[in-house]
């Protein structure tokens, strides 16, 4: 199994699949997540190949970008087989991708260190300045409002409610993004998340200050 060739093929595959996505799940999101995954994996002494490969492929299976999650996971599974990835690695990557999503409140802890690393890397790209930009890109792609004072943030959502219920870009901070700092798995991830979390808090303070001045 030529690991570098597999990584190179994964980059090309994902680039072609996601380069035109307008919702914040484009190639550059994948690039940032994979770079963060490598940084965290190095600090936490996780398997770099598993972390980078799972990070590169994670949104290929995302149910937001497919007719359902099962269809997306099959796409990843077939790609791994076609690229001669061995069975243990295939199973590990699929397990990470299928369990790392937030989906309305998070899931039980990731089973492996590599899973924790990739989940942290993905969550880091959902917070901070880039996380703010992605939030508004996604809201626009889903035809959601920036903010509506009459629409309160949702709590205790099911997966279906999280994906399809009525919300706003600002509410998304309270429904998900502000929770992520305390859901980080690794020491290195927590350190990276702290600054980004403060940036979001400052942004929201400024947003509501300006909103109230109107």
C-alpha atoms as a PDB file:
ATOM      1  CA  UNK A   1       0.000   0.000   0.000  1.00  0.00           C
ATOM      2  CA  UNK A   2       1.693   3.183  -1.242  1.00  0.00           C
ATOM      3  CA  UNK A   3       0.529   5.699   1.341  1.00  0.00           C
ATOM      4  CA  UNK A   4       1.736   8.830  -0.447  1.00  0.00           C
ATOM      5  CA  UNK A   5       0.065   7.801  -3.703  1.00  0.00           C
ATOM      6  CA  UNK A   6      -3.180   7.148  -1.843  1.00  0.00           C
ATOM      7  CA  UNK A   7      -3.025  10.590  -0.216  1.00  0.00           C
ATOM      8  CA  UNK A   8      -2.287  12.246  -3.570  1.00  0.00           C
ATOM      9  CA  UNK A   9      -5.173  10.395  -5.214  1.00  0.00           C
ATOM     10  CA  UNK A  10      -7.483  11.356  -2.343  1.00  0.00           C
ATOM     11  CA  UNK A  11      -6.599  15.032  -2.739  1.00  0.00           C
ATOM     12  CA  UNK A  12      -7.373  14.959  -6.460  1.00  0.00           C
ATOM     13  CA  UNK A  13     -10.618  13.010  -5.938  1.00  0.00           C
ATOM     14  CA  UNK A  14     -11.896  15.332  -3.204  1.00  0.00           C
ATOM     15  CA  UNK A  15     -10.866  18.449  -5.109  1.00  0.00           C
ATOM     16  CA  UNK A  16     -12.887  17.354  -8.132  1.00  0.00           C
ATOM     17  CA  UNK A  17     -15.887  16.432  -5.974  1.00  0.00           C
ATOM     18  CA  UNK A  18     -16.043  19.542  -3.770  1.00  0.00           C
ATOM     19  CA  UNK A  19     -14.185  22.395  -5.497  1.00  0.00           C
ATOM     20  CA  UNK A  20     -17.409  24.209  -6.444  1.00  0.00           C
ATOM     21  CA  UNK A  21     -19.377  23.690  -3.234  1.00  0.00           C
ATOM     22  CA  UNK A  22     -20.853  27.043  -2.075  1.00  0.00           C
ATOM     23  CA  UNK A  23     -21.891  25.984   1.434  1.00  0.00           C
ATOM     24  CA  UNK A  24     -18.542  26.090   3.231  1.00  0.00           C
ATOM     25  CA  UNK A  25     -17.731  22.436   2.527  1.00  0.00           C
ATOM     26  CA  UNK A  26     -15.477  23.096  -0.445  1.00  0.00           C
ATOM     27  CA  UNK A  27     -11.940  21.893  -1.168  1.00  0.00           C
ATOM     28  CA  UNK A  28     -10.369  24.605   0.979  1.00  0.00           C
ATOM     29  CA  UNK A  29     -12.339  23.426   4.005  1.00  0.00           C
ATOM     30  CA  UNK A  30     -10.959  19.944   3.379  1.00  0.00           C
ATOM     31  CA  UNK A  31      -7.438  21.321   2.973  1.00  0.00           C
ATOM     32  CA  UNK A  32      -7.632  23.223   6.265  1.00  0.00           C
ATOM     33  CA  UNK A  33      -9.043  20.224   8.130  1.00  0.00           C
ATOM     34  CA  UNK A  34      -6.346  17.914   6.781  1.00  0.00           C
ATOM     35  CA  UNK A  35      -3.604  20.387   7.729  1.00  0.00           C
ATOM     36  CA  UNK A  36      -4.987  20.756  11.243  1.00  0.00           C
ATOM     37  CA  UNK A  37      -5.361  16.984  11.517  1.00  0.00           C
ATOM     38  CA  UNK A  38      -1.678  16.551  10.704  1.00  0.00           C
ATOM     39  CA  UNK A  39      -0.677  19.177  13.279  1.00  0.00           C
ATOM     40  CA  UNK A  40      -2.791  17.610  16.008  1.00  0.00           C
ATOM     41  CA  UNK A  41      -1.761  14.059  15.058  1.00  0.00           C
ATOM     42  CA  UNK A  42       1.907  15.016  15.342  1.00  0.00           C
ATOM     43  CA  UNK A  43       1.371  16.620  18.756  1.00  0.00           C
ATOM     44  CA  UNK A  44      -0.731  13.714  20.043  1.00  0.00           C
ATOM     45  CA  UNK A  45       1.388  10.961  18.413  1.00  0.00           C
ATOM     46  CA  UNK A  46      -1.480   9.571  16.341  1.00  0.00           C
ATOM     47  CA  UNK A  47      -1.189   7.740  13.010  1.00  0.00           C
ATOM     48  CA  UNK A  48      -0.563  10.506  10.463  1.00  0.00           C
ATOM     49  CA  UNK A  49      -1.694   8.499   7.441  1.00  0.00           C
ATOM     50  CA  UNK A  50      -5.033   7.493   8.970  1.00  0.00           C
ATOM     51  CA  UNK A  51      -5.671  11.033  10.189  1.00  0.00           C
ATOM     52  CA  UNK A  52      -4.858  12.713   6.886  1.00  0.00           C
ATOM     53  CA  UNK A  53      -6.800  10.207   4.790  1.00  0.00           C
ATOM     54  CA  UNK A  54      -9.910  10.406   6.976  1.00  0.00           C
ATOM     55  CA  UNK A  55      -9.697  14.203   7.050  1.00  0.00           C
ATOM     56  CA  UNK A  56      -9.462  14.367   3.264  1.00  0.00           C
ATOM     57  CA  UNK A  57     -12.425  12.057   2.697  1.00  0.00           C
ATOM     58  CA  UNK A  58     -14.718  13.060   5.561  1.00  0.00           C
ATOM     59  CA  UNK A  59     -17.108  15.323   3.654  1.00  0.00           C
ATOM     60  CA  UNK A  60     -17.441  12.979   0.677  1.00  0.00           C
ATOM     61  CA  UNK A  61     -19.816  11.009   2.913  1.00  0.00           C
ATOM     62  CA  UNK A  62     -21.526  13.979   4.590  1.00  0.00           C
ATOM     63  CA  UNK A  63     -25.290  13.617   4.392  1.00  0.00           C
ATOM     64  CA  UNK A  64     -25.573  17.364   3.717  1.00  0.00           C
ATOM     65  CA  UNK A  65     -23.822  16.735   0.388  1.00  0.00           C
ATOM     66  CA  UNK A  66     -25.458  13.406  -0.515  1.00  0.00           C
ATOM     67  CA  UNK A  67     -28.973  12.017  -0.757  1.00  0.00           C
ATOM     68  CA  UNK A  68     -28.238  10.260   2.561  1.00  0.00           C
ATOM     69  CA  UNK A  69     -25.286   9.259   4.726  1.00  0.00           C
ATOM     70  CA  UNK A  70     -25.364   5.609   3.652  1.00  0.00           C
ATOM     71  CA  UNK A  71     -24.931   6.612   0.014  1.00  0.00           C
ATOM     72  CA  UNK A  72     -21.994   8.850   0.910  1.00  0.00           C
ATOM     73  CA  UNK A  73     -20.263   6.162   2.969  1.00  0.00           C
ATOM     74  CA  UNK A  74     -20.595   3.677   0.109  1.00  0.00           C
ATOM     75  CA  UNK A  75     -18.914   6.225  -2.157  1.00  0.00           C
ATOM     76  CA  UNK A  76     -15.971   6.460   0.254  1.00  0.00           C
ATOM     77  CA  UNK A  77     -15.814   2.670   0.691  1.00  0.00           C
ATOM     78  CA  UNK A  78     -15.665   2.067  -3.053  1.00  0.00           C
ATOM     79  CA  UNK A  79     -12.972   4.712  -3.449  1.00  0.00           C
ATOM     80  CA  UNK A  80     -10.839   3.100  -0.741  1.00  0.00           C
ATOM     81  CA  UNK A  81     -11.139  -0.313  -2.406  1.00  0.00           C
ATOM     82  CA  UNK A  82     -10.386   1.083  -5.859  1.00  0.00           C
ATOM     83  CA  UNK A  83      -7.248   2.721  -4.459  1.00  0.00           C
ATOM     84  CA  UNK A  84      -5.997  -0.485  -2.841  1.00  0.00           C
ATOM     85  CA  UNK A  85      -6.331   0.652   0.762  1.00  0.00           C
ATOM     86  CA  UNK A  86      -6.048  -2.374   3.038  1.00  0.00           C
ATOM     87  CA  UNK A  87      -9.043  -3.628   5.001  1.00  0.00           C
ATOM     88  CA  UNK A  88      -7.922  -2.487   8.454  1.00  0.00           C
ATOM     89  CA  UNK A  89      -7.286   1.030   7.210  1.00  0.00           C
ATOM     90  CA  UNK A  90     -10.578   1.084   5.272  1.00  0.00           C
ATOM     91  CA  UNK A  91     -12.511   0.063   8.373  1.00  0.00           C
ATOM     92  CA  UNK A  92     -10.733   2.632  10.530  1.00  0.00           C
ATOM     93  CA  UNK A  93     -11.340   5.477   8.087  1.00  0.00           C
ATOM     94  CA  UNK A  94     -15.005   4.557   7.612  1.00  0.00           C
ATOM     95  CA  UNK A  95     -15.502   4.332  11.373  1.00  0.00           C
ATOM     96  CA  UNK A  96     -14.050   7.824  11.846  1.00  0.00           C
ATOM     97  CA  UNK A  97     -16.077   9.391   9.051  1.00  0.00           C
ATOM     98  CA  UNK A  98     -19.342   7.757  10.095  1.00  0.00           C
ATOM     99  CA  UNK A  99     -19.142   8.863  13.747  1.00  0.00           C
ATOM    100  CA  UNK A 100     -17.432  12.268  13.785  1.00  0.00           C
ATOM    101  CA  UNK A 101     -20.356  14.536  12.871  1.00  0.00           C
ATOM    102  CA  UNK A 102     -22.025  16.848  15.409  1.00  0.00           C
ATOM    103  CA  UNK A 103     -25.578  16.075  14.216  1.00  0.00           C
ATOM    104  CA  UNK A 104     -27.611  18.155  16.609  1.00  0.00           C
ATOM    105  CA  UNK A 105     -25.603  17.664  19.778  1.00  0.00           C
ATOM    106  CA  UNK A 106     -22.589  15.467  19.285  1.00  0.00           C
ATOM    107  CA  UNK A 107     -22.246  11.725  19.666  1.00  0.00           C
ATOM    108  CA  UNK A 108     -20.546   9.380  22.120  1.00  0.00           C
ATOM    109  CA  UNK A 109     -16.744   9.810  22.264  1.00  0.00           C
ATOM    110  CA  UNK A 110     -14.697   8.729  19.272  1.00  0.00           C
ATOM    111  CA  UNK A 111     -13.284   5.218  19.655  1.00  0.00           C
ATOM    112  CA  UNK A 112      -9.697   5.868  18.580  1.00  0.00           C
ATOM    113  CA  UNK A 113      -7.065   8.561  18.985  1.00  0.00           C
ATOM    114  CA  UNK A 114      -7.132   9.107  15.218  1.00  0.00           C
ATOM    115  CA  UNK A 115     -10.877   9.645  15.341  1.00  0.00           C
ATOM    116  CA  UNK A 116     -10.467  12.202  18.104  1.00  0.00           C
ATOM    117  CA  UNK A 117      -7.802  14.005  16.087  1.00  0.00           C
ATOM    118  CA  UNK A 118      -9.894  14.245  12.911  1.00  0.00           C
ATOM    119  CA  UNK A 119     -13.020  15.281  14.790  1.00  0.00           C
ATOM    120  CA  UNK A 120     -11.054  18.053  16.521  1.00  0.00           C
ATOM    121  CA  UNK A 121      -9.590  19.215  13.212  1.00  0.00           C
ATOM    122  CA  UNK A 122     -13.036  19.422  11.635  1.00  0.00           C
ATOM    123  CA  UNK A 123     -14.510  21.241  14.626  1.00  0.00           C
ATOM    124  CA  UNK A 124     -11.685  23.785  14.592  1.00  0.00           C
ATOM    125  CA  UNK A 125     -12.710  24.805  11.083  1.00  0.00           C
ATOM    126  CA  UNK A 126     -16.248  25.436  12.361  1.00  0.00           C
ATOM    127  CA  UNK A 127     -15.144  28.085  14.871  1.00  0.00           C
ATOM    128  CA  UNK A 128     -13.113  31.296  14.840  1.00  0.00           C
ATOM    129  CA  UNK A 129     -12.991  33.708  11.910  1.00  0.00           C
ATOM    130  CA  UNK A 130     -13.247  31.000   9.280  1.00  0.00           C
ATOM    131  CA  UNK A 131     -16.025  29.299  11.203  1.00  0.00           C
ATOM    132  CA  UNK A 132     -17.970  32.567  11.176  1.00  0.00           C
ATOM    133  CA  UNK A 133     -17.474  32.940   7.415  1.00  0.00           C
ATOM    134  CA  UNK A 134     -18.559  29.335   6.817  1.00  0.00           C
ATOM    135  CA  UNK A 135     -21.656  29.792   8.980  1.00  0.00           C
ATOM    136  CA  UNK A 136     -22.942  32.636   6.841  1.00  0.00           C
ATOM    137  CA  UNK A 137     -21.992  30.854   3.612  1.00  0.00           C
ATOM    138  CA  UNK A 138     -23.970  27.791   4.717  1.00  0.00           C
ATOM    139  CA  UNK A 139     -26.955  29.854   5.851  1.00  0.00           C
ATOM    140  CA  UNK A 140     -27.029  31.614   2.499  1.00  0.00           C
ATOM    141  CA  UNK A 141     -26.802  28.334   0.605  1.00  0.00           C
ATOM    142  CA  UNK A 142     -29.768  27.053   2.643  1.00  0.00           C
ATOM    143  CA  UNK A 143     -31.730  30.316   2.231  1.00  0.00           C
ATOM    144  CA  UNK A 144     -31.713  31.002   5.959  1.00  0.00           C
ATOM    145  CA  UNK A 145     -31.862  34.477   7.487  1.00  0.00           C
ATOM    146  CA  UNK A 146     -28.866  36.137   9.123  1.00  0.00           C
ATOM    147  CA  UNK A 147     -30.887  36.691  12.300  1.00  0.00           C
ATOM    148  CA  UNK A 148     -34.493  36.928  13.478  1.00  0.00           C
ATOM    149  CA  UNK A 149     -35.078  38.006  17.107  1.00  0.00           C
ATOM    150  CA  UNK A 150     -38.387  36.156  17.090  1.00  0.00           C
ATOM    151  CA  UNK A 151     -36.694  32.852  16.312  1.00  0.00           C
ATOM    152  CA  UNK A 152     -34.974  31.397  19.383  1.00  0.00           C
ATOM    153  CA  UNK A 153     -32.055  28.944  19.187  1.00  0.00           C
ATOM    154  CA  UNK A 154     -33.209  25.335  19.241  1.00  0.00           C
ATOM    155  CA  UNK A 155     -32.326  22.907  22.033  1.00  0.00           C
ATOM    156  CA  UNK A 156     -32.464  19.109  22.398  1.00  0.00           C
ATOM    157  CA  UNK A 157     -32.778  18.590  18.663  1.00  0.00           C
ATOM    158  CA  UNK A 158     -33.048  15.305  16.847  1.00  0.00           C
ATOM    159  CA  UNK A 159     -30.730  14.775  13.881  1.00  0.00           C
ATOM    160  CA  UNK A 160     -33.619  15.472  11.504  1.00  0.00           C
ATOM    161  CA  UNK A 161     -34.522  18.697  13.316  1.00  0.00           C
ATOM    162  CA  UNK A 162     -30.903  19.822  13.280  1.00  0.00           C
ATOM    163  CA  UNK A 163     -30.602  19.255   9.531  1.00  0.00           C
ATOM    164  CA  UNK A 164     -33.973  20.491   8.313  1.00  0.00           C
ATOM    165  CA  UNK A 165     -35.537  22.693  11.004  1.00  0.00           C
ATOM    166  CA  UNK A 166     -35.917  26.448  10.671  1.00  0.00           C
ATOM    167  CA  UNK A 167     -32.984  28.410  12.078  1.00  0.00           C
ATOM    168  CA  UNK A 168     -30.714  31.408  11.374  1.00  0.00           C
ATOM    169  CA  UNK A 169     -26.992  31.960  10.968  1.00  0.00           C
ATOM    170  CA  UNK A 170     -26.721  33.629  14.379  1.00  0.00           C
ATOM    171  CA  UNK A 171     -28.738  30.915  16.093  1.00  0.00           C
ATOM    172  CA  UNK A 172     -26.261  28.351  14.754  1.00  0.00           C
ATOM    173  CA  UNK A 173     -23.623  29.794  17.073  1.00  0.00           C
ATOM    174  CA  UNK A 174     -25.772  28.875  20.074  1.00  0.00           C
ATOM    175  CA  UNK A 175     -27.029  25.590  18.670  1.00  0.00           C
ATOM    176  CA  UNK A 176     -23.549  24.284  17.854  1.00  0.00           C
ATOM    177  CA  UNK A 177     -20.493  26.493  17.502  1.00  0.00           C
ATOM    178  CA  UNK A 178     -20.185  27.853  21.031  1.00  0.00           C
ATOM    179  CA  UNK A 179     -20.429  24.288  22.361  1.00  0.00           C
ATOM    180  CA  UNK A 180     -17.460  22.969  20.413  1.00  0.00           C
ATOM    181  CA  UNK A 181     -14.667  24.338  22.639  1.00  0.00           C
ATOM    182  CA  UNK A 182     -15.793  22.095  25.492  1.00  0.00           C
ATOM    183  CA  UNK A 183     -16.239  19.089  23.185  1.00  0.00           C
ATOM    184  CA  UNK A 184     -12.650  18.998  21.932  1.00  0.00           C
ATOM    185  CA  UNK A 185     -10.925  15.660  22.467  1.00  0.00           C
ATOM    186  CA  UNK A 186      -7.206  16.436  22.537  1.00  0.00           C
ATOM    187  CA  UNK A 187      -4.998  18.798  24.528  1.00  0.00           C
ATOM    188  CA  UNK A 188      -3.622  20.347  21.345  1.00  0.00           C
ATOM    189  CA  UNK A 189      -7.117  20.767  19.917  1.00  0.00           C
ATOM    190  CA  UNK A 190      -8.343  22.457  23.091  1.00  0.00           C
ATOM    191  CA  UNK A 191      -5.474  24.948  22.946  1.00  0.00           C
ATOM    192  CA  UNK A 192      -6.280  25.818  19.330  1.00  0.00           C
ATOM    193  CA  UNK A 193     -10.009  26.098  20.080  1.00  0.00           C
ATOM    194  CA  UNK A 194      -9.670  28.562  22.974  1.00  0.00           C
ATOM    195  CA  UNK A 195      -8.581  31.551  20.880  1.00  0.00           C
ATOM    196  CA  UNK A 196     -11.122  30.842  18.156  1.00  0.00           C
ATOM    197  CA  UNK A 197     -13.905  30.573  20.732  1.00  0.00           C
ATOM    198  CA  UNK A 198     -13.027  33.994  22.177  1.00  0.00           C
ATOM    199  CA  UNK A 199     -13.065  35.479  18.682  1.00  0.00           C
ATOM    200  CA  UNK A 200     -16.632  34.207  18.157  1.00  0.00           C
ATOM    201  CA  UNK A 201     -17.753  35.630  21.486  1.00  0.00           C
ATOM    202  CA  UNK A 202     -16.304  39.023  20.555  1.00  0.00           C
ATOM    203  CA  UNK A 203     -17.982  38.853  17.145  1.00  0.00           C
ATOM    204  CA  UNK A 204     -21.372  38.108  18.685  1.00  0.00           C
ATOM    205  CA  UNK A 205     -20.987  40.927  21.209  1.00  0.00           C
ATOM    206  CA  UNK A 206     -20.264  43.348  18.363  1.00  0.00           C
ATOM    207  CA  UNK A 207     -23.086  41.922  16.233  1.00  0.00           C
ATOM    208  CA  UNK A 208     -25.717  42.459  18.921  1.00  0.00           C
ATOM    209  CA  UNK A 209     -24.317  45.901  19.779  1.00  0.00           C
ATOM    210  CA  UNK A 210     -24.770  46.972  16.173  1.00  0.00           C
ATOM    211  CA  UNK A 211     -28.160  45.230  15.918  1.00  0.00           C
ATOM    212  CA  UNK A 212     -29.475  47.095  18.951  1.00  0.00           C
ATOM    213  CA  UNK A 213     -28.279  50.409  17.538  1.00  0.00           C
ATOM    214  CA  UNK A 214     -30.500  50.082  14.460  1.00  0.00           C
END
